[in-house]
Amino acid sequence: MRLAQLTLTVRDYDEAIAFYTAKLGFELLEDTDRGGGKRWVRIAPPESPASPTSPPSPSTSSRTGILLAKAVTPEQFATVGNQTGGRVFLFLQTDDFWRDYNAMLARGVNFIRPPSAQDYGTVAVLEDLYGNKIDLIGPTQA
């Protein structure tokens, strides 16, 4: 087994795609019209550059991603921006914390907690366009 994807409830497909791709640098894996205003929209963080000894990168259809699900009911709209009840929703691990942190700052990402050194690495907390919390983590090098 493997985790194929998880769902993020959004207000609008296009505004969510724009934020996650333009601001966070995610890749749009799929955007398929399903009719009736529904779309199958999958995004994922960029993959780290492959090392000479790493296996080939999986195809976009087999990569773990986030399915953007447009809210349509009052119950679903209530979850937009509160996917995890105020807890951190995603943990983004980077191989170069300062590169990614500075790039996100330059693109206008809202960091609600500045970088801090922890025993596991450097971490800063950002919010997505709806207020979901995301940790950007640069692990301590062994």
C-alpha atoms as a PDB file:
ATOM      1  CA  MET A   1       0.000   0.000   0.000  1.00  0.00           C
ATOM      2  CA  ARG A   2       0.909   3.633  -0.409  1.00  0.00           C
ATOM      3  CA  LEU A   3      -0.778   6.928   0.228  1.00  0.00           C
ATOM      4  CA  ALA A   4      -2.053   8.027  -3.173  1.00  0.00           C
ATOM      5  CA  GLN A   5      -3.500  11.432  -2.291  1.00  0.00           C
ATOM      6  CA  LEU A   6      -5.332  13.456   0.280  1.00  0.00           C
ATOM      7  CA  THR A   7      -8.137  15.949  -0.167  1.00  0.00           C
ATOM      8  CA  LEU A   8      -8.023  19.687   0.449  1.00  0.00           C
ATOM      9  CA  THR A   9     -11.387  21.445   0.428  1.00  0.00           C
ATOM     10  CA  VAL A  10     -11.159  24.733  -1.476  1.00  0.00           C
ATOM     11  CA  ARG A  11     -13.464  27.632  -2.306  1.00  0.00           C
ATOM     12  CA  ASP A  12     -12.464  27.732  -5.961  1.00  0.00           C
ATOM     13  CA  TYR A  13     -10.311  25.465  -8.131  1.00  0.00           C
ATOM     14  CA  ASP A  14      -8.490  28.183 -10.036  1.00  0.00           C
ATOM     15  CA  GLU A  15      -7.603  30.369  -7.039  1.00  0.00           C
ATOM     16  CA  ALA A  16      -6.255  27.311  -5.199  1.00  0.00           C
ATOM     17  CA  ILE A  17      -4.235  26.188  -8.233  1.00  0.00           C
ATOM     18  CA  ALA A  18      -2.822  29.708  -8.605  1.00  0.00           C
ATOM     19  CA  PHE A  19      -1.767  29.902  -4.941  1.00  0.00           C
ATOM     20  CA  TYR A  20      -0.215  26.460  -4.694  1.00  0.00           C
ATOM     21  CA  THR A  21       1.630  26.664  -8.018  1.00  0.00           C
ATOM     22  CA  ALA A  22       2.639  30.348  -8.167  1.00  0.00           C
ATOM     23  CA  LYS A  23       3.253  30.983  -4.453  1.00  0.00           C
ATOM     24  CA  LEU A  24       4.435  27.602  -3.130  1.00  0.00           C
ATOM     25  CA  GLY A  25       5.945  26.235  -6.341  1.00  0.00           C
ATOM     26  CA  PHE A  26       3.774  23.100  -6.456  1.00  0.00           C
ATOM     27  CA  GLU A  27       3.231  21.258  -9.724  1.00  0.00           C
ATOM     28  CA  LEU A  28      -0.175  20.830 -11.323  1.00  0.00           C
ATOM     29  CA  LEU A  29      -0.346  17.076 -11.897  1.00  0.00           C
ATOM     30  CA  GLU A  30      -3.830  16.876 -13.368  1.00  0.00           C
ATOM     31  CA  ASP A  31      -6.812  19.087 -14.138  1.00  0.00           C
ATOM     32  CA  THR A  32      -9.609  17.084 -15.724  1.00  0.00           C
ATOM     33  CA  ASP A  33     -13.141  18.381 -16.323  1.00  0.00           C
ATOM     34  CA  ARG A  34     -15.636  15.910 -14.839  1.00  0.00           C
ATOM     35  CA  GLY A  35     -18.729  17.789 -16.042  1.00  0.00           C
ATOM     36  CA  GLY A  36     -21.304  19.700 -14.065  1.00  0.00           C
ATOM     37  CA  GLY A  37     -18.700  22.133 -12.699  1.00  0.00           C
ATOM     38  CA  LYS A  38     -16.641  19.324 -11.153  1.00  0.00           C
ATOM     39  CA  ARG A  39     -12.954  18.869 -11.870  1.00  0.00           C
ATOM     40  CA  TRP A  40     -10.325  16.337 -10.842  1.00  0.00           C
ATOM     41  CA  VAL A  41      -7.456  18.611  -9.829  1.00  0.00           C
ATOM     42  CA  ARG A  42      -4.249  17.188  -8.371  1.00  0.00           C
ATOM     43  CA  ILE A  43      -1.203  19.123  -7.182  1.00  0.00           C
ATOM     44  CA  ALA A  44       2.066  18.114  -5.518  1.00  0.00           C
ATOM     45  CA  PRO A  45       5.207  19.775  -4.212  1.00  0.00           C
ATOM     46  CA  PRO A  46       8.098  19.797  -6.665  1.00  0.00           C
ATOM     47  CA  GLU A  47      10.271  16.738  -6.523  1.00  0.00           C
ATOM     48  CA  SER A  48      13.816  17.054  -5.285  1.00  0.00           C
ATOM     49  CA  PRO A  49      16.463  16.643  -7.954  1.00  0.00           C
ATOM     50  CA  ALA A  50      17.252  12.983  -8.381  1.00  0.00           C
ATOM     51  CA  SER A  51      20.611  11.731  -7.309  1.00  0.00           C
ATOM     52  CA  PRO A  52      22.547   9.396  -9.610  1.00  0.00           C
ATOM     53  CA  THR A  53      21.657   6.445  -7.364  1.00  0.00           C
ATOM     54  CA  SER A  54      17.970   7.244  -6.806  1.00  0.00           C
ATOM     55  CA  PRO A  55      15.272   5.309  -8.655  1.00  0.00           C
ATOM     56  CA  PRO A  56      13.489   6.953 -11.575  1.00  0.00           C
ATOM     57  CA  SER A  57      10.853   9.519 -10.666  1.00  0.00           C
ATOM     58  CA  PRO A  58       7.292   8.142 -10.581  1.00  0.00           C
ATOM     59  CA  SER A  59       4.847   9.285 -13.235  1.00  0.00           C
ATOM     60  CA  THR A  60       2.471  12.069 -12.269  1.00  0.00           C
ATOM     61  CA  SER A  61      -0.380   9.549 -12.020  1.00  0.00           C
ATOM     62  CA  SER A  62       1.452   7.536  -9.358  1.00  0.00           C
ATOM     63  CA  ARG A  63       2.861  10.455  -7.319  1.00  0.00           C
ATOM     64  CA  THR A  64       1.309  11.211  -3.968  1.00  0.00           C
ATOM     65  CA  GLY A  65      -0.623  14.421  -4.366  1.00  0.00           C
ATOM     66  CA  ILE A  66      -3.308  16.676  -3.008  1.00  0.00           C
ATOM     67  CA  LEU A  67      -6.745  16.509  -4.586  1.00  0.00           C
ATOM     68  CA  LEU A  68      -8.354  19.942  -4.634  1.00  0.00           C
ATOM     69  CA  ALA A  69     -12.062  19.472  -3.896  1.00  0.00           C
ATOM     70  CA  LYS A  70     -14.343  22.447  -4.459  1.00  0.00           C
ATOM     71  CA  ALA A  71     -16.733  22.970  -1.553  1.00  0.00           C
ATOM     72  CA  VAL A  72     -20.400  22.874  -2.567  1.00  0.00           C
ATOM     73  CA  THR A  73     -22.353  22.380   0.671  1.00  0.00           C
ATOM     74  CA  PRO A  74     -22.421  24.535   3.816  1.00  0.00           C
ATOM     75  CA  GLU A  75     -20.661  21.720   5.715  1.00  0.00           C
ATOM     76  CA  GLN A  76     -17.876  21.605   3.138  1.00  0.00           C
ATOM     77  CA  PHE A  77     -17.466  25.406   3.078  1.00  0.00           C
ATOM     78  CA  ALA A  78     -17.061  25.292   6.873  1.00  0.00           C
ATOM     79  CA  THR A  79     -13.905  23.185   6.411  1.00  0.00           C
ATOM     80  CA  VAL A  80     -12.201  25.562   3.959  1.00  0.00           C
ATOM     81  CA  GLY A  81      -9.203  26.975   5.818  1.00  0.00           C
ATOM     82  CA  ASN A  82      -9.776  24.686   8.765  1.00  0.00           C
ATOM     83  CA  GLN A  83      -8.876  21.254   7.404  1.00  0.00           C
ATOM     84  CA  THR A  84      -7.342  20.135  10.691  1.00  0.00           C
ATOM     85  CA  GLY A  85      -9.138  22.219  13.293  1.00  0.00           C
ATOM     86  CA  GLY A  86      -6.335  24.788  13.534  1.00  0.00           C
ATOM     87  CA  ARG A  87      -3.456  22.305  13.616  1.00  0.00           C
ATOM     88  CA  VAL A  88      -0.752  22.107  10.954  1.00  0.00           C
ATOM     89  CA  PHE A  89      -2.198  20.596   7.784  1.00  0.00           C
ATOM     90  CA  LEU A  90       0.950  19.824   5.765  1.00  0.00           C
ATOM     91  CA  PHE A  91       4.623  19.345   6.563  1.00  0.00           C
ATOM     92  CA  LEU A  92       6.813  20.348   3.621  1.00  0.00           C
ATOM     93  CA  GLN A  93      10.350  19.038   3.925  1.00  0.00           C
ATOM     94  CA  THR A  94      13.003  20.784   1.866  1.00  0.00           C
ATOM     95  CA  ASP A  95      16.621  20.007   1.088  1.00  0.00           C
ATOM     96  CA  ASP A  96      17.436  23.754   1.255  1.00  0.00           C
ATOM     97  CA  PHE A  97      15.360  25.593   3.836  1.00  0.00           C
ATOM     98  CA  TRP A  98      16.678  29.109   3.188  1.00  0.00           C
ATOM     99  CA  ARG A  99      16.360  28.833  -0.600  1.00  0.00           C
ATOM    100  CA  ASP A 100      12.709  27.821  -0.366  1.00  0.00           C
ATOM    101  CA  TYR A 101      11.844  30.127   2.523  1.00  0.00           C
ATOM    102  CA  ASN A 102      13.313  33.181   0.740  1.00  0.00           C
ATOM    103  CA  ALA A 103      11.666  32.230  -2.569  1.00  0.00           C
ATOM    104  CA  MET A 104       8.273  31.921  -0.859  1.00  0.00           C
ATOM    105  CA  LEU A 105       8.763  35.242   0.933  1.00  0.00           C
ATOM    106  CA  ALA A 106       9.595  36.891  -2.403  1.00  0.00           C
ATOM    107  CA  ARG A 107       6.376  35.456  -3.878  1.00  0.00           C
ATOM    108  CA  GLY A 108       4.305  36.926  -1.029  1.00  0.00           C
ATOM    109  CA  VAL A 109       3.680  33.837   1.104  1.00  0.00           C
ATOM    110  CA  ASN A 110       2.390  34.730   4.577  1.00  0.00           C
ATOM    111  CA  PHE A 111       4.601  33.195   7.268  1.00  0.00           C
ATOM    112  CA  ILE A 112       2.835  33.338  10.624  1.00  0.00           C
ATOM    113  CA  ARG A 113       5.850  32.020  12.563  1.00  0.00           C
ATOM    114  CA  PRO A 114       9.388  32.976  11.577  1.00  0.00           C
ATOM    115  CA  PRO A 115      12.153  30.412  11.135  1.00  0.00           C
ATOM    116  CA  SER A 116      13.366  28.800  14.329  1.00  0.00           C
ATOM    117  CA  ALA A 117      15.967  26.166  15.078  1.00  0.00           C
ATOM    118  CA  GLN A 118      14.521  22.996  16.566  1.00  0.00           C
ATOM    119  CA  ASP A 119      16.218  19.721  17.427  1.00  0.00           C
ATOM    120  CA  TYR A 120      14.869  18.222  14.166  1.00  0.00           C
ATOM    121  CA  GLY A 121      15.851  21.168  11.961  1.00  0.00           C
ATOM    122  CA  THR A 122      14.784  24.650  10.940  1.00  0.00           C
ATOM    123  CA  VAL A 123      11.042  25.290  10.717  1.00  0.00           C
ATOM    124  CA  ALA A 124       8.732  28.155   9.787  1.00  0.00           C
ATOM    125  CA  VAL A 125       4.938  28.112   9.667  1.00  0.00           C
ATOM    126  CA  LEU A 126       3.019  29.581   6.751  1.00  0.00           C
ATOM    127  CA  GLU A 127      -0.636  29.867   5.844  1.00  0.00           C
ATOM    128  CA  ASP A 128      -2.217  28.939   2.549  1.00  0.00           C
ATOM    129  CA  LEU A 129      -4.716  31.272   0.896  1.00  0.00           C
ATOM    130  CA  TYR A 130      -7.501  29.997   3.167  1.00  0.00           C
ATOM    131  CA  GLY A 131      -5.582  29.953   6.462  1.00  0.00           C
ATOM    132  CA  ASN A 132      -4.527  26.290   6.630  1.00  0.00           C
ATOM    133  CA  LYS A 133      -1.188  26.035   8.444  1.00  0.00           C
ATOM    134  CA  ILE A 134       1.813  24.482   6.704  1.00  0.00           C
ATOM    135  CA  ASP A 135       5.237  23.785   8.217  1.00  0.00           C
ATOM    136  CA  LEU A 136       8.274  24.349   6.012  1.00  0.00           C
ATOM    137  CA  ILE A 137      11.013  22.160   7.467  1.00  0.00           C
ATOM    138  CA  GLY A 138      14.697  21.910   6.668  1.00  0.00           C
ATOM    139  CA  PRO A 139      15.826  18.817   8.572  1.00  0.00           C
ATOM    140  CA  THR A 140      19.031  18.818  10.576  1.00  0.00           C
ATOM    141  CA  GLN A 141      21.790  17.301   8.462  1.00  0.00           C
ATOM    142  CA  ALA A 142      23.269  14.137   9.936  1.00  0.00           C
END
